[in-house]
Amino acid sequence: MEYYKELRKYVGHRPLILPGSVVIIQNEFGDVLLQEREKGVFGLPGGLMDLGESFEETAVREVFEEANLNVTSLELKQVFSGKEFYYKVDNGDEFYSVTAVFIANSYEGSLKANLSESIGIAFYSLEAMPKGLLPSSKKFLKTCL
C-alpha cells in the first residue's frame, strides 16, 4: 500500500505534506511528454515518494511506471511548495505538495502508457498544449523551461 494511504488511516482527511517528483521530458523536436491521467486531464509524468526513496529515485520510478522509459540523466530544476500547492480532492482529503521538478537530459525505452495509471501518454508541442493541462504542470513548464 502506498505510504500516504497508510497515513490516511490515522489522520483521516486532515492536511498532509506529500513529497513527490515530476519530470519534464522533451523529444528531439522540443515537444514535452504528457500523461493523460483521466479524460481531458493532462500532467507531467511523476508521482509521490515512497518510504526510503530520494526525489531522484521517485522521478525515475514514476517515469518508468507511467511511460515505460528509463531516464538516464536528471537535472533538478526547482522544488515547488507552499500555500499555492494546497489541494483538497473530491473525497475530502487535503494535502500540501512538495514537488521536485527535474529535466530528463536523456532517456531510453519504448514509449508505452501504463493503462492502470492513465489513459495515454504522448509528446505535445509547447505551442499546442492540451486545454486540460493541470495548473501545476503549466507552472512547472513555465518556470523550468
N, C-alpha and C. Protein backbone atom coordinates (compact mmCIF):
# COMPACT_ATOMS: atom_id res chain seq x y z
N MET A 1 0.85 -1.19 0.00
CA MET A 1 0.00 0.00 0.00
C MET A 1 0.89 1.24 0.00
N GLU A 2 0.44 2.26 -0.71
CA GLU A 2 1.20 3.49 -0.78
C GLU A 2 1.22 4.18 0.58
N TYR A 3 2.35 4.82 0.88
CA TYR A 3 2.59 5.44 2.17
C TYR A 3 1.47 6.40 2.59
N TYR A 4 1.06 7.30 1.69
CA TYR A 4 0.05 8.28 2.07
C TYR A 4 -1.28 7.61 2.40
N LYS A 5 -1.58 6.48 1.77
CA LYS A 5 -2.81 5.76 2.09
C LYS A 5 -2.76 5.17 3.49
N GLU A 6 -1.59 4.72 3.89
CA GLU A 6 -1.40 4.23 5.27
C GLU A 6 -1.62 5.38 6.26
N LEU A 7 -1.06 6.55 5.97
CA LEU A 7 -1.23 7.70 6.86
C LEU A 7 -2.69 8.10 7.00
N ARG A 8 -3.43 8.01 5.91
CA ARG A 8 -4.84 8.41 5.93
C ARG A 8 -5.64 7.60 6.95
N LYS A 9 -5.23 6.38 7.25
CA LYS A 9 -5.92 5.56 8.25
C LYS A 9 -5.89 6.23 9.62
N TYR A 10 -4.84 7.01 9.87
CA TYR A 10 -4.65 7.63 11.19
C TYR A 10 -5.10 9.09 11.23
N VAL A 11 -4.99 9.80 10.13
CA VAL A 11 -5.29 11.24 10.14
C VAL A 11 -6.58 11.59 9.42
N GLY A 12 -7.20 10.62 8.79
CA GLY A 12 -8.43 10.91 8.05
C GLY A 12 -8.16 11.88 6.91
N HIS A 13 -9.00 12.91 6.82
CA HIS A 13 -8.90 13.86 5.71
C HIS A 13 -8.01 15.07 6.02
N ARG A 14 -7.47 15.14 7.24
CA ARG A 14 -6.64 16.29 7.63
C ARG A 14 -5.48 16.49 6.66
N PRO A 15 -4.98 17.73 6.57
CA PRO A 15 -3.90 18.01 5.62
C PRO A 15 -2.62 17.23 5.92
N LEU A 16 -1.99 16.74 4.87
CA LEU A 16 -0.69 16.09 4.92
C LEU A 16 0.27 16.87 4.04
N ILE A 17 1.56 16.69 4.29
CA ILE A 17 2.59 17.19 3.38
C ILE A 17 3.06 15.98 2.59
N LEU A 18 2.91 16.03 1.27
CA LEU A 18 3.23 14.89 0.42
C LEU A 18 4.34 15.25 -0.58
N PRO A 19 5.53 14.68 -0.40
CA PRO A 19 6.63 14.94 -1.35
C PRO A 19 6.52 14.06 -2.58
N GLY A 20 6.94 14.62 -3.70
CA GLY A 20 6.94 13.86 -4.95
C GLY A 20 7.83 14.50 -5.98
N SER A 21 7.85 13.89 -7.14
CA SER A 21 8.70 14.37 -8.24
C SER A 21 7.92 14.32 -9.54
N VAL A 22 8.22 15.26 -10.43
CA VAL A 22 7.77 15.19 -11.81
C VAL A 22 8.98 15.41 -12.71
N VAL A 23 8.84 14.93 -13.95
CA VAL A 23 9.96 15.02 -14.88
C VAL A 23 9.48 15.65 -16.18
N ILE A 24 10.22 16.65 -16.62
CA ILE A 24 9.99 17.26 -17.93
C ILE A 24 10.89 16.53 -18.91
N ILE A 25 10.26 15.81 -19.84
CA ILE A 25 10.99 15.06 -20.85
C ILE A 25 10.64 15.66 -22.20
N GLN A 26 11.66 16.08 -22.94
CA GLN A 26 11.45 16.62 -24.28
C GLN A 26 12.08 15.70 -25.30
N ASN A 27 11.39 15.55 -26.43
CA ASN A 27 11.95 14.76 -27.52
C ASN A 27 12.89 15.63 -28.36
N GLU A 28 13.38 15.08 -29.46
CA GLU A 28 14.34 15.81 -30.30
C GLU A 28 13.75 17.06 -30.96
N PHE A 29 12.43 17.19 -30.97
CA PHE A 29 11.77 18.36 -31.54
C PHE A 29 11.41 19.41 -30.50
N GLY A 30 11.70 19.11 -29.22
CA GLY A 30 11.37 20.02 -28.14
C GLY A 30 9.96 19.83 -27.59
N ASP A 31 9.26 18.81 -28.07
CA ASP A 31 7.92 18.51 -27.55
C ASP A 31 8.05 17.90 -26.16
N VAL A 32 7.02 18.10 -25.34
CA VAL A 32 7.03 17.68 -23.94
C VAL A 32 6.12 16.48 -23.75
N LEU A 33 6.61 15.50 -22.99
CA LEU A 33 5.83 14.30 -22.69
C LEU A 33 4.78 14.61 -21.63
N LEU A 34 3.52 14.30 -21.96
CA LEU A 34 2.41 14.49 -21.02
C LEU A 34 1.63 13.19 -20.88
N GLN A 35 1.15 12.98 -19.70
CA GLN A 35 0.32 11.83 -19.38
C GLN A 35 -1.13 12.29 -19.29
N GLU A 36 -2.03 11.62 -20.01
CA GLU A 36 -3.46 11.90 -19.85
C GLU A 36 -3.93 11.01 -18.71
N ARG A 37 -4.16 11.63 -17.55
CA ARG A 37 -4.43 10.88 -16.32
C ARG A 37 -5.87 10.39 -16.25
N GLU A 38 -6.77 11.21 -16.69
CA GLU A 38 -8.17 10.85 -16.86
C GLU A 38 -8.66 11.66 -18.04
N LYS A 39 -9.84 11.37 -18.53
CA LYS A 39 -10.33 12.01 -19.76
C LYS A 39 -10.18 13.53 -19.70
N GLY A 40 -9.32 14.07 -20.56
CA GLY A 40 -9.15 15.51 -20.68
C GLY A 40 -8.28 16.16 -19.63
N VAL A 41 -7.63 15.39 -18.76
CA VAL A 41 -6.76 15.93 -17.71
C VAL A 41 -5.33 15.45 -17.96
N PHE A 42 -4.42 16.40 -18.19
CA PHE A 42 -3.05 16.10 -18.56
C PHE A 42 -2.07 16.63 -17.53
N GLY A 43 -0.97 15.91 -17.36
CA GLY A 43 0.08 16.35 -16.47
C GLY A 43 1.42 15.75 -16.85
N LEU A 44 2.46 16.26 -16.24
CA LEU A 44 3.79 15.71 -16.43
C LEU A 44 3.90 14.37 -15.74
N PRO A 45 4.70 13.44 -16.26
CA PRO A 45 4.87 12.18 -15.56
C PRO A 45 5.53 12.40 -14.21
N GLY A 46 5.02 11.70 -13.21
CA GLY A 46 5.57 11.83 -11.87
C GLY A 46 4.59 11.31 -10.85
N GLY A 47 4.98 11.43 -9.59
CA GLY A 47 4.12 10.96 -8.52
C GLY A 47 4.75 11.12 -7.16
N LEU A 48 4.15 10.46 -6.19
CA LEU A 48 4.55 10.61 -4.80
C LEU A 48 5.69 9.69 -4.41
N MET A 49 6.47 10.16 -3.46
CA MET A 49 7.62 9.44 -2.95
C MET A 49 7.17 8.27 -2.09
N ASP A 50 7.88 7.15 -2.21
CA ASP A 50 7.71 6.01 -1.32
C ASP A 50 8.70 6.13 -0.17
N LEU A 51 8.43 5.43 0.93
CA LEU A 51 9.35 5.45 2.07
C LEU A 51 10.75 5.04 1.63
N GLY A 52 11.73 5.81 2.06
CA GLY A 52 13.12 5.49 1.78
C GLY A 52 13.64 5.97 0.44
N GLU A 53 12.78 6.52 -0.40
CA GLU A 53 13.21 6.99 -1.72
C GLU A 53 13.75 8.41 -1.66
N SER A 54 14.63 8.72 -2.59
CA SER A 54 15.06 10.09 -2.83
C SER A 54 14.12 10.70 -3.87
N PHE A 55 14.19 12.01 -4.05
CA PHE A 55 13.41 12.65 -5.11
C PHE A 55 13.81 12.08 -6.48
N GLU A 56 15.11 11.84 -6.67
CA GLU A 56 15.59 11.31 -7.95
C GLU A 56 15.05 9.91 -8.20
N GLU A 57 15.09 9.06 -7.17
CA GLU A 57 14.57 7.70 -7.31
C GLU A 57 13.07 7.70 -7.61
N THR A 58 12.35 8.61 -6.98
CA THR A 58 10.92 8.75 -7.25
C THR A 58 10.69 9.12 -8.71
N ALA A 59 11.46 10.08 -9.20
CA ALA A 59 11.32 10.52 -10.59
C ALA A 59 11.57 9.38 -11.56
N VAL A 60 12.65 8.63 -11.36
CA VAL A 60 12.99 7.53 -12.25
C VAL A 60 11.91 6.45 -12.21
N ARG A 61 11.47 6.08 -11.01
CA ARG A 61 10.45 5.04 -10.87
C ARG A 61 9.14 5.45 -11.53
N GLU A 62 8.70 6.67 -11.28
CA GLU A 62 7.42 7.12 -11.82
C GLU A 62 7.42 7.19 -13.34
N VAL A 63 8.50 7.69 -13.92
CA VAL A 63 8.56 7.75 -15.39
C VAL A 63 8.51 6.34 -15.97
N PHE A 64 9.21 5.40 -15.34
CA PHE A 64 9.17 4.04 -15.86
C PHE A 64 7.77 3.44 -15.70
N GLU A 65 7.15 3.64 -14.54
CA GLU A 65 5.81 3.10 -14.31
C GLU A 65 4.78 3.68 -15.28
N GLU A 66 4.87 4.96 -15.56
CA GLU A 66 3.84 5.64 -16.34
C GLU A 66 4.11 5.65 -17.84
N ALA A 67 5.39 5.61 -18.23
CA ALA A 67 5.72 5.79 -19.65
C ALA A 67 6.61 4.71 -20.24
N ASN A 68 7.07 3.77 -19.40
CA ASN A 68 7.94 2.70 -19.86
C ASN A 68 9.29 3.23 -20.38
N LEU A 69 9.72 4.37 -19.85
CA LEU A 69 11.00 4.96 -20.24
C LEU A 69 11.96 4.95 -19.05
N ASN A 70 13.21 4.71 -19.33
CA ASN A 70 14.27 4.80 -18.32
C ASN A 70 14.98 6.13 -18.52
N VAL A 71 14.84 7.04 -17.55
CA VAL A 71 15.58 8.29 -17.63
C VAL A 71 16.99 8.03 -17.13
N THR A 72 17.96 8.45 -17.90
CA THR A 72 19.34 8.12 -17.59
C THR A 72 20.13 9.31 -17.08
N SER A 73 19.56 10.48 -17.14
CA SER A 73 20.23 11.68 -16.64
C SER A 73 19.17 12.68 -16.22
N LEU A 74 19.22 13.08 -14.95
CA LEU A 74 18.24 14.03 -14.43
C LEU A 74 18.95 15.30 -13.95
N GLU A 75 18.30 16.42 -14.18
CA GLU A 75 18.79 17.71 -13.67
C GLU A 75 17.67 18.32 -12.83
N LEU A 76 17.95 18.55 -11.56
CA LEU A 76 16.96 19.20 -10.69
C LEU A 76 16.84 20.66 -11.09
N LYS A 77 15.61 21.09 -11.42
CA LYS A 77 15.39 22.48 -11.81
C LYS A 77 14.91 23.32 -10.63
N GLN A 78 13.93 22.80 -9.87
CA GLN A 78 13.38 23.60 -8.77
C GLN A 78 12.49 22.70 -7.92
N VAL A 79 12.32 23.10 -6.65
CA VAL A 79 11.37 22.44 -5.76
C VAL A 79 10.25 23.44 -5.50
N PHE A 80 9.02 22.99 -5.69
CA PHE A 80 7.84 23.83 -5.51
C PHE A 80 7.10 23.39 -4.25
N SER A 81 6.70 24.37 -3.43
CA SER A 81 5.96 24.07 -2.21
C SER A 81 5.27 25.34 -1.74
N GLY A 82 4.51 25.21 -0.67
CA GLY A 82 3.86 26.37 -0.07
C GLY A 82 2.36 26.39 -0.28
N LYS A 83 1.75 27.48 0.15
CA LYS A 83 0.29 27.62 0.13
C LYS A 83 -0.31 27.44 -1.26
N GLU A 84 0.43 27.83 -2.28
CA GLU A 84 -0.05 27.71 -3.66
C GLU A 84 -0.27 26.25 -4.07
N PHE A 85 0.37 25.33 -3.35
CA PHE A 85 0.29 23.91 -3.69
C PHE A 85 -0.52 23.11 -2.68
N TYR A 86 -1.57 23.77 -2.17
CA TYR A 86 -2.56 23.11 -1.30
C TYR A 86 -3.68 22.57 -2.18
N TYR A 87 -4.12 21.36 -1.87
CA TYR A 87 -5.19 20.73 -2.64
C TYR A 87 -6.20 20.07 -1.71
N LYS A 88 -7.44 20.10 -2.11
CA LYS A 88 -8.50 19.34 -1.46
C LYS A 88 -9.18 18.55 -2.57
N VAL A 89 -9.11 17.23 -2.49
CA VAL A 89 -9.65 16.40 -3.55
C VAL A 89 -11.10 16.01 -3.26
N ASP A 90 -11.73 15.42 -4.26
CA ASP A 90 -13.17 15.14 -4.19
C ASP A 90 -13.59 14.34 -2.97
N ASN A 91 -12.73 13.45 -2.48
CA ASN A 91 -13.11 12.64 -1.32
C ASN A 91 -12.90 13.36 0.01
N GLY A 92 -12.43 14.61 -0.03
CA GLY A 92 -12.23 15.41 1.17
C GLY A 92 -10.80 15.42 1.68
N ASP A 93 -9.93 14.58 1.14
CA ASP A 93 -8.53 14.57 1.56
C ASP A 93 -7.88 15.91 1.23
N GLU A 94 -7.07 16.41 2.17
CA GLU A 94 -6.34 17.66 1.98
C GLU A 94 -4.85 17.38 2.03
N PHE A 95 -4.07 18.11 1.21
CA PHE A 95 -2.62 17.96 1.26
C PHE A 95 -1.92 19.18 0.66
N TYR A 96 -0.69 19.33 1.08
CA TYR A 96 0.23 20.30 0.52
C TYR A 96 1.31 19.50 -0.20
N SER A 97 1.51 19.77 -1.47
CA SER A 97 2.53 19.03 -2.20
C SER A 97 3.87 19.75 -2.15
N VAL A 98 4.91 18.96 -2.08
CA VAL A 98 6.29 19.42 -2.21
C VAL A 98 6.83 18.66 -3.41
N THR A 99 7.03 19.36 -4.52
CA THR A 99 7.34 18.69 -5.77
C THR A 99 8.69 19.11 -6.32
N ALA A 100 9.57 18.13 -6.48
CA ALA A 100 10.85 18.35 -7.14
C ALA A 100 10.63 18.19 -8.64
N VAL A 101 11.01 19.20 -9.40
CA VAL A 101 10.85 19.15 -10.86
C VAL A 101 12.22 18.94 -11.49
N PHE A 102 12.29 17.89 -12.28
CA PHE A 102 13.53 17.52 -12.97
C PHE A 102 13.35 17.66 -14.47
N ILE A 103 14.47 17.87 -15.14
CA ILE A 103 14.54 17.76 -16.60
C ILE A 103 15.30 16.47 -16.87
N ALA A 104 14.77 15.64 -17.77
CA ALA A 104 15.48 14.44 -18.19
C ALA A 104 16.31 14.81 -19.41
N ASN A 105 17.61 14.73 -19.26
CA ASN A 105 18.50 15.07 -20.36
C ASN A 105 18.63 13.94 -21.37
N SER A 106 18.31 12.72 -20.95
CA SER A 106 18.30 11.60 -21.86
C SER A 106 17.41 10.50 -21.29
N TYR A 107 16.92 9.67 -22.19
CA TYR A 107 16.06 8.56 -21.78
C TYR A 107 16.17 7.45 -22.80
N GLU A 108 15.80 6.25 -22.36
CA GLU A 108 15.84 5.07 -23.22
C GLU A 108 14.53 4.33 -23.06
N GLY A 109 14.18 3.56 -24.07
CA GLY A 109 13.00 2.72 -23.99
C GLY A 109 11.98 3.06 -25.06
N SER A 110 10.92 2.31 -25.03
CA SER A 110 9.84 2.47 -25.98
C SER A 110 8.62 3.03 -25.25
N LEU A 111 8.19 4.20 -25.67
CA LEU A 111 7.08 4.89 -25.01
C LEU A 111 5.82 4.02 -25.02
N LYS A 112 5.27 3.78 -23.83
CA LYS A 112 4.06 2.98 -23.70
C LYS A 112 3.35 3.38 -22.41
N ALA A 113 2.08 3.74 -22.52
CA ALA A 113 1.30 4.14 -21.34
C ALA A 113 0.97 2.94 -20.48
N ASN A 114 1.04 3.14 -19.18
CA ASN A 114 0.56 2.14 -18.22
C ASN A 114 -0.92 2.43 -18.02
N LEU A 115 -1.77 1.62 -18.59
CA LEU A 115 -3.21 1.91 -18.61
C LEU A 115 -3.88 1.78 -17.24
N SER A 116 -3.16 1.26 -16.24
CA SER A 116 -3.72 1.26 -14.89
C SER A 116 -3.53 2.61 -14.21
N GLU A 117 -2.66 3.46 -14.79
CA GLU A 117 -2.39 4.78 -14.20
C GLU A 117 -2.83 5.94 -15.08
N SER A 118 -3.16 5.65 -16.34
CA SER A 118 -3.51 6.75 -17.24
C SER A 118 -4.27 6.23 -18.45
N ILE A 119 -4.80 7.18 -19.20
CA ILE A 119 -5.48 6.87 -20.45
C ILE A 119 -4.47 6.76 -21.59
N GLY A 120 -3.48 7.64 -21.55
CA GLY A 120 -2.48 7.64 -22.61
C GLY A 120 -1.30 8.52 -22.26
N ILE A 121 -0.29 8.45 -23.10
CA ILE A 121 0.91 9.27 -22.90
C ILE A 121 1.47 9.62 -24.28
N ALA A 122 1.83 10.89 -24.46
CA ALA A 122 2.30 11.33 -25.76
C ALA A 122 3.08 12.64 -25.61
N PHE A 123 3.84 12.97 -26.65
CA PHE A 123 4.56 14.24 -26.70
C PHE A 123 3.67 15.31 -27.32
N TYR A 124 3.73 16.53 -26.75
CA TYR A 124 2.94 17.67 -27.21
C TYR A 124 3.85 18.86 -27.42
N SER A 125 3.60 19.60 -28.46
CA SER A 125 4.32 20.83 -28.75
C SER A 125 4.03 21.86 -27.66
N LEU A 126 5.05 22.64 -27.31
CA LEU A 126 4.86 23.71 -26.33
C LEU A 126 3.83 24.73 -26.81
N GLU A 127 3.70 24.87 -28.13
CA GLU A 127 2.75 25.83 -28.70
C GLU A 127 1.34 25.26 -28.76
N ALA A 128 1.18 23.97 -28.55
CA ALA A 128 -0.15 23.34 -28.67
C ALA A 128 -0.42 22.40 -27.50
N MET A 129 -0.26 22.93 -26.29
CA MET A 129 -0.54 22.13 -25.09
C MET A 129 -2.04 21.86 -25.00
N PRO A 130 -2.42 20.70 -24.49
CA PRO A 130 -3.86 20.39 -24.36
C PRO A 130 -4.54 21.34 -23.37
N LYS A 131 -5.82 21.60 -23.61
CA LYS A 131 -6.59 22.52 -22.77
C LYS A 131 -6.66 22.04 -21.32
N GLY A 132 -6.65 20.74 -21.11
CA GLY A 132 -6.79 20.19 -19.76
C GLY A 132 -5.50 20.02 -19.00
N LEU A 133 -4.45 20.77 -19.37
CA LEU A 133 -3.18 20.68 -18.66
C LEU A 133 -3.35 21.20 -17.24
N LEU A 134 -2.92 20.41 -16.27
CA LEU A 134 -3.05 20.79 -14.86
C LEU A 134 -2.32 22.11 -14.60
N PRO A 135 -2.91 22.98 -13.76
CA PRO A 135 -2.25 24.26 -13.45
C PRO A 135 -0.84 24.09 -12.90
N SER A 136 -0.62 23.08 -12.07
CA SER A 136 0.72 22.86 -11.53
C SER A 136 1.70 22.53 -12.66
N SER A 137 1.29 21.69 -13.61
CA SER A 137 2.18 21.36 -14.73
C SER A 137 2.47 22.59 -15.58
N LYS A 138 1.47 23.45 -15.78
CA LYS A 138 1.69 24.71 -16.52
C LYS A 138 2.76 25.53 -15.82
N LYS A 139 2.65 25.65 -14.49
CA LYS A 139 3.61 26.44 -13.73
C LYS A 139 5.00 25.82 -13.82
N PHE A 140 5.10 24.51 -13.69
CA PHE A 140 6.40 23.83 -13.76
C PHE A 140 7.06 24.09 -15.11
N LEU A 141 6.28 23.96 -16.19
CA LEU A 141 6.84 24.18 -17.53
C LEU A 141 7.26 25.62 -17.73
N LYS A 142 6.41 26.54 -17.32
CA LYS A 142 6.72 27.97 -17.49
C LYS A 142 7.96 28.37 -16.72
N THR A 143 8.11 27.85 -15.51
CA THR A 143 9.23 28.21 -14.66
C THR A 143 10.53 27.50 -15.04
N CYS A 144 10.43 26.27 -15.48
CA CYS A 144 11.63 25.43 -15.64
C CYS A 144 12.16 25.33 -17.06
N LEU A 145 11.39 25.75 -18.05
CA LEU A 145 11.90 25.68 -19.44
C LEU A 145 12.29 27.05 -19.94
